[in-house]
Amino acid sequence: MSPSNRNKIILSIQTYFLSQENLSEWNALENSDSPTIETGDWGQVEELSSQANRDWEDLKSKLEQGTMLEAPIVMKFGGRHHLVAGNTRLMVCRAMGIAPKVLLFEIDV
């Protein structure tokens, strides 16, 4: 990257909760199946997780036991929110009615 391009990128990193207060951002999240999940919709979680061979039941059990999971990673740029990692974690949280903490990288180009 040239020195002039480095000056055009501003990066901020913060933890951020996806919750009822910012539900529109969660529902607009790109690259995630979690916006389609309703509270208690374990059939949908199972169906979508099995397509990616993910163990959603283990994540659910850990959350029920109070285990802290790695935060999903979201990239924000140009008014868009794109999920980088953590689709299954977000689906399980949505089905449990939990507002998950995510790691939000915001890039302004």
N, C-alpha and C. Protein backbone atom coordinates (compact mmCIF):
# COMPACT_ATOMS: atom_id res chain seq x y z
N MET A 1 0.84 -1.17 0.00
CA MET A 1 0.00 0.00 0.00
C MET A 1 0.89 1.24 0.00
N SER A 2 0.59 2.17 -0.85
CA SER A 2 1.40 3.38 -0.93
C SER A 2 1.12 4.27 0.28
N PRO A 3 2.07 5.14 0.65
CA PRO A 3 1.87 6.04 1.79
C PRO A 3 0.61 6.90 1.65
N SER A 4 0.28 7.34 0.45
CA SER A 4 -0.92 8.17 0.29
C SER A 4 -2.19 7.39 0.58
N ASN A 5 -2.23 6.08 0.22
CA ASN A 5 -3.40 5.26 0.50
C ASN A 5 -3.55 4.97 1.99
N ARG A 6 -2.45 4.83 2.70
CA ARG A 6 -2.50 4.58 4.14
C ARG A 6 -3.22 5.71 4.86
N ASN A 7 -3.08 6.92 4.40
CA ASN A 7 -3.71 8.06 5.04
C ASN A 7 -5.21 8.11 4.80
N LYS A 8 -5.73 7.36 3.85
CA LYS A 8 -7.14 7.37 3.52
C LYS A 8 -7.94 6.35 4.32
N ILE A 9 -7.27 5.46 5.03
CA ILE A 9 -7.97 4.43 5.78
C ILE A 9 -7.89 4.74 7.27
N ILE A 10 -9.05 4.85 7.90
CA ILE A 10 -9.11 5.07 9.34
C ILE A 10 -9.76 3.82 9.92
N LEU A 11 -9.11 3.21 10.86
CA LEU A 11 -9.60 1.95 11.42
C LEU A 11 -9.90 2.14 12.90
N SER A 12 -11.10 1.79 13.31
CA SER A 12 -11.42 1.78 14.73
C SER A 12 -11.89 0.37 15.08
N ILE A 13 -11.55 -0.07 16.26
CA ILE A 13 -11.93 -1.39 16.73
C ILE A 13 -12.66 -1.21 18.06
N GLN A 14 -13.83 -1.81 18.18
CA GLN A 14 -14.58 -1.68 19.42
C GLN A 14 -15.45 -2.91 19.64
N THR A 15 -15.83 -3.12 20.87
CA THR A 15 -16.83 -4.15 21.14
C THR A 15 -18.18 -3.47 21.04
N TYR A 16 -19.17 -4.23 20.61
CA TYR A 16 -20.46 -3.67 20.26
C TYR A 16 -21.51 -4.73 20.51
N PHE A 17 -22.64 -4.35 21.08
CA PHE A 17 -23.72 -5.31 21.31
C PHE A 17 -24.75 -5.22 20.20
N LEU A 18 -25.12 -6.37 19.63
CA LEU A 18 -26.26 -6.44 18.73
C LEU A 18 -27.46 -6.72 19.62
N SER A 19 -28.44 -5.83 19.61
CA SER A 19 -29.56 -5.98 20.53
C SER A 19 -30.84 -5.43 19.91
N GLN A 20 -31.91 -5.41 20.69
CA GLN A 20 -33.18 -4.87 20.22
C GLN A 20 -33.05 -3.39 19.85
N GLU A 21 -32.15 -2.67 20.54
CA GLU A 21 -31.98 -1.24 20.28
C GLU A 21 -31.40 -0.98 18.89
N ASN A 22 -30.61 -1.89 18.38
CA ASN A 22 -30.03 -1.71 17.04
C ASN A 22 -30.38 -2.91 16.15
N LEU A 23 -31.61 -3.38 16.28
CA LEU A 23 -32.07 -4.54 15.54
C LEU A 23 -31.97 -4.33 14.03
N SER A 24 -32.15 -3.11 13.56
CA SER A 24 -32.07 -2.85 12.12
C SER A 24 -30.67 -3.16 11.59
N GLU A 25 -29.63 -2.87 12.40
CA GLU A 25 -28.27 -3.21 11.98
C GLU A 25 -28.07 -4.71 11.94
N TRP A 26 -28.60 -5.42 12.95
CA TRP A 26 -28.48 -6.88 12.96
C TRP A 26 -29.22 -7.47 11.75
N ASN A 27 -30.41 -6.96 11.48
CA ASN A 27 -31.20 -7.48 10.36
C ASN A 27 -30.56 -7.19 9.01
N ALA A 28 -29.73 -6.17 8.93
CA ALA A 28 -29.07 -5.81 7.67
C ALA A 28 -27.68 -6.45 7.56
N LEU A 29 -27.30 -7.26 8.53
CA LEU A 29 -25.97 -7.87 8.55
C LEU A 29 -25.79 -8.78 7.33
N GLU A 30 -24.75 -8.50 6.56
CA GLU A 30 -24.44 -9.29 5.37
C GLU A 30 -23.64 -10.54 5.77
N ASN A 31 -23.75 -11.58 4.98
CA ASN A 31 -22.99 -12.81 5.15
C ASN A 31 -23.36 -13.54 6.44
N SER A 32 -24.61 -13.41 6.87
CA SER A 32 -25.06 -14.09 8.08
C SER A 32 -26.48 -14.59 7.90
N ASP A 33 -26.74 -15.76 8.46
CA ASP A 33 -28.09 -16.30 8.48
C ASP A 33 -28.85 -15.87 9.74
N SER A 34 -28.17 -15.24 10.68
CA SER A 34 -28.79 -14.91 11.96
C SER A 34 -30.00 -13.99 11.85
N PRO A 35 -30.06 -13.05 10.89
CA PRO A 35 -31.26 -12.21 10.83
C PRO A 35 -32.56 -12.99 10.54
N THR A 36 -32.45 -14.20 10.01
CA THR A 36 -33.64 -14.99 9.69
C THR A 36 -34.14 -15.80 10.88
N ILE A 37 -33.39 -15.81 11.98
CA ILE A 37 -33.72 -16.63 13.14
C ILE A 37 -34.63 -15.87 14.10
N GLU A 38 -35.69 -16.52 14.53
CA GLU A 38 -36.58 -15.98 15.56
C GLU A 38 -36.22 -16.63 16.90
N THR A 39 -36.56 -15.98 17.99
CA THR A 39 -36.32 -16.55 19.31
C THR A 39 -37.00 -17.91 19.40
N GLY A 40 -36.25 -18.92 19.81
CA GLY A 40 -36.77 -20.28 19.96
C GLY A 40 -36.82 -21.10 18.69
N ASP A 41 -36.34 -20.57 17.59
CA ASP A 41 -36.40 -21.26 16.29
C ASP A 41 -35.21 -22.21 16.11
N TRP A 42 -35.18 -23.27 16.92
CA TRP A 42 -34.05 -24.20 16.89
C TRP A 42 -34.04 -25.07 15.63
N GLY A 43 -35.19 -25.28 15.03
CA GLY A 43 -35.23 -26.03 13.78
C GLY A 43 -34.46 -25.31 12.67
N GLN A 44 -34.65 -24.01 12.58
CA GLN A 44 -33.93 -23.21 11.59
C GLN A 44 -32.43 -23.17 11.90
N VAL A 45 -32.09 -23.05 13.17
CA VAL A 45 -30.67 -23.07 13.56
C VAL A 45 -30.04 -24.40 13.18
N GLU A 46 -30.74 -25.50 13.47
CA GLU A 46 -30.22 -26.82 13.15
C GLU A 46 -30.04 -26.98 11.63
N GLU A 47 -31.05 -26.58 10.88
CA GLU A 47 -30.99 -26.73 9.43
C GLU A 47 -29.82 -25.94 8.83
N LEU A 48 -29.69 -24.68 9.21
CA LEU A 48 -28.63 -23.85 8.65
C LEU A 48 -27.24 -24.27 9.13
N SER A 49 -27.14 -24.68 10.39
CA SER A 49 -25.85 -25.11 10.94
C SER A 49 -25.39 -26.42 10.31
N SER A 50 -26.32 -27.31 10.04
CA SER A 50 -25.94 -28.60 9.45
C SER A 50 -25.40 -28.42 8.03
N GLN A 51 -25.88 -27.40 7.32
CA GLN A 51 -25.38 -27.14 5.97
C GLN A 51 -23.89 -26.77 6.00
N ALA A 52 -23.46 -26.14 7.09
CA ALA A 52 -22.06 -25.73 7.23
C ALA A 52 -21.29 -26.67 8.16
N ASN A 53 -21.94 -27.77 8.59
CA ASN A 53 -21.33 -28.75 9.48
C ASN A 53 -20.84 -28.10 10.78
N ARG A 54 -21.69 -27.28 11.40
CA ARG A 54 -21.35 -26.57 12.64
C ARG A 54 -22.10 -27.20 13.82
N ASP A 55 -21.46 -27.22 14.99
CA ASP A 55 -22.04 -27.81 16.19
C ASP A 55 -22.74 -26.73 17.01
N TRP A 56 -23.97 -26.39 16.63
CA TRP A 56 -24.71 -25.35 17.33
C TRP A 56 -25.13 -25.78 18.73
N GLU A 57 -25.35 -27.08 18.94
CA GLU A 57 -25.79 -27.56 20.25
C GLU A 57 -24.71 -27.34 21.31
N ASP A 58 -23.46 -27.50 20.94
CA ASP A 58 -22.36 -27.25 21.87
C ASP A 58 -22.31 -25.77 22.24
N LEU A 59 -22.49 -24.90 21.25
CA LEU A 59 -22.51 -23.46 21.54
C LEU A 59 -23.66 -23.10 22.46
N LYS A 60 -24.84 -23.66 22.20
CA LYS A 60 -26.01 -23.40 23.04
C LYS A 60 -25.74 -23.85 24.47
N SER A 61 -25.20 -25.04 24.63
CA SER A 61 -24.89 -25.58 25.95
C SER A 61 -23.90 -24.68 26.69
N LYS A 62 -22.86 -24.24 26.00
CA LYS A 62 -21.87 -23.37 26.62
C LYS A 62 -22.48 -22.05 27.07
N LEU A 63 -23.33 -21.47 26.25
CA LEU A 63 -23.98 -20.22 26.62
C LEU A 63 -24.91 -20.42 27.82
N GLU A 64 -25.64 -21.54 27.84
CA GLU A 64 -26.52 -21.84 28.98
C GLU A 64 -25.74 -22.00 30.27
N GLN A 65 -24.50 -22.49 30.16
CA GLN A 65 -23.64 -22.68 31.33
C GLN A 65 -22.90 -21.41 31.70
N GLY A 66 -23.07 -20.35 30.92
CA GLY A 66 -22.41 -19.08 31.21
C GLY A 66 -20.99 -18.98 30.68
N THR A 67 -20.61 -19.90 29.80
CA THR A 67 -19.26 -19.87 29.23
C THR A 67 -19.15 -18.70 28.25
N MET A 68 -18.07 -17.96 28.35
CA MET A 68 -17.81 -16.86 27.43
C MET A 68 -17.28 -17.42 26.11
N LEU A 69 -17.93 -17.06 25.02
CA LEU A 69 -17.50 -17.50 23.70
C LEU A 69 -16.71 -16.38 23.02
N GLU A 70 -15.92 -16.75 22.03
CA GLU A 70 -15.23 -15.74 21.23
C GLU A 70 -16.27 -14.87 20.56
N ALA A 71 -16.01 -13.58 20.51
CA ALA A 71 -16.95 -12.65 19.91
C ALA A 71 -16.96 -12.80 18.39
N PRO A 72 -18.15 -12.82 17.78
CA PRO A 72 -18.20 -12.77 16.32
C PRO A 72 -17.53 -11.48 15.83
N ILE A 73 -17.04 -11.50 14.61
CA ILE A 73 -16.34 -10.35 14.06
C ILE A 73 -17.17 -9.75 12.93
N VAL A 74 -17.41 -8.44 13.03
CA VAL A 74 -18.18 -7.71 12.03
C VAL A 74 -17.32 -6.57 11.49
N MET A 75 -17.33 -6.40 10.18
CA MET A 75 -16.62 -5.31 9.52
C MET A 75 -17.67 -4.31 9.04
N LYS A 76 -17.48 -3.05 9.43
CA LYS A 76 -18.38 -1.99 9.00
C LYS A 76 -17.63 -1.09 8.02
N PHE A 77 -18.24 -0.88 6.85
CA PHE A 77 -17.62 -0.02 5.85
C PHE A 77 -18.71 0.51 4.92
N GLY A 78 -18.60 1.75 4.56
CA GLY A 78 -19.56 2.33 3.62
C GLY A 78 -21.00 2.17 4.03
N GLY A 79 -21.30 2.21 5.33
CA GLY A 79 -22.67 2.04 5.80
C GLY A 79 -23.15 0.61 5.83
N ARG A 80 -22.28 -0.34 5.49
CA ARG A 80 -22.63 -1.77 5.46
C ARG A 80 -21.99 -2.48 6.65
N HIS A 81 -22.66 -3.53 7.13
CA HIS A 81 -22.13 -4.40 8.17
C HIS A 81 -21.98 -5.79 7.58
N HIS A 82 -20.75 -6.32 7.56
CA HIS A 82 -20.46 -7.61 6.95
C HIS A 82 -19.87 -8.55 8.00
N LEU A 83 -20.50 -9.70 8.20
CA LEU A 83 -20.00 -10.68 9.16
C LEU A 83 -18.76 -11.36 8.60
N VAL A 84 -17.68 -11.33 9.36
CA VAL A 84 -16.43 -11.98 8.97
C VAL A 84 -16.34 -13.36 9.60
N ALA A 85 -16.76 -13.49 10.85
CA ALA A 85 -16.69 -14.77 11.57
C ALA A 85 -17.75 -14.81 12.65
N GLY A 86 -18.39 -15.99 12.83
CA GLY A 86 -19.30 -16.16 13.95
C GLY A 86 -20.77 -16.33 13.58
N ASN A 87 -21.07 -16.81 12.39
CA ASN A 87 -22.46 -16.97 11.97
C ASN A 87 -23.24 -17.89 12.91
N THR A 88 -22.68 -19.03 13.25
CA THR A 88 -23.39 -19.99 14.11
C THR A 88 -23.58 -19.41 15.51
N ARG A 89 -22.56 -18.73 16.03
CA ARG A 89 -22.69 -18.08 17.35
C ARG A 89 -23.83 -17.08 17.34
N LEU A 90 -23.94 -16.28 16.27
CA LEU A 90 -25.01 -15.29 16.18
C LEU A 90 -26.38 -15.95 16.04
N MET A 91 -26.47 -17.04 15.28
CA MET A 91 -27.75 -17.73 15.16
C MET A 91 -28.21 -18.27 16.50
N VAL A 92 -27.29 -18.88 17.25
CA VAL A 92 -27.64 -19.43 18.57
C VAL A 92 -28.06 -18.31 19.52
N CYS A 93 -27.33 -17.21 19.51
CA CYS A 93 -27.70 -16.08 20.36
C CYS A 93 -29.07 -15.55 20.01
N ARG A 94 -29.35 -15.43 18.73
CA ARG A 94 -30.65 -14.92 18.29
C ARG A 94 -31.77 -15.85 18.74
N ALA A 95 -31.56 -17.17 18.59
CA ALA A 95 -32.58 -18.14 19.01
C ALA A 95 -32.77 -18.13 20.52
N MET A 96 -31.72 -17.79 21.26
CA MET A 96 -31.80 -17.74 22.73
C MET A 96 -32.31 -16.38 23.23
N GLY A 97 -32.41 -15.41 22.33
CA GLY A 97 -32.85 -14.07 22.73
C GLY A 97 -31.75 -13.29 23.44
N ILE A 98 -30.51 -13.64 23.16
CA ILE A 98 -29.35 -12.99 23.79
C ILE A 98 -28.82 -11.90 22.88
N ALA A 99 -28.45 -10.77 23.46
CA ALA A 99 -27.77 -9.70 22.71
C ALA A 99 -26.27 -9.98 22.77
N PRO A 100 -25.70 -10.49 21.68
CA PRO A 100 -24.28 -10.85 21.72
C PRO A 100 -23.35 -9.65 21.58
N LYS A 101 -22.20 -9.78 22.21
CA LYS A 101 -21.15 -8.79 22.03
C LYS A 101 -20.34 -9.23 20.81
N VAL A 102 -20.12 -8.31 19.88
CA VAL A 102 -19.32 -8.60 18.70
C VAL A 102 -18.11 -7.68 18.69
N LEU A 103 -17.11 -8.09 17.96
CA LEU A 103 -15.94 -7.24 17.73
C LEU A 103 -16.20 -6.52 16.41
N LEU A 104 -16.30 -5.21 16.46
CA LEU A 104 -16.66 -4.42 15.29
C LEU A 104 -15.43 -3.65 14.81
N PHE A 105 -15.03 -3.93 13.58
CA PHE A 105 -13.94 -3.21 12.92
C PHE A 105 -14.62 -2.22 11.97
N GLU A 106 -14.36 -0.96 12.16
CA GLU A 106 -14.95 0.05 11.28
C GLU A 106 -13.87 0.66 10.42
N ILE A 107 -14.08 0.59 9.12
CA ILE A 107 -13.12 1.13 8.17
C ILE A 107 -13.78 2.25 7.40
N ASP A 108 -13.14 3.39 7.38
CA ASP A 108 -13.63 4.53 6.63
C ASP A 108 -12.66 4.77 5.49
N VAL A 109 -13.11 4.51 4.28
CA VAL A 109 -12.23 4.71 3.12
C VAL A 109 -12.68 5.87 2.29
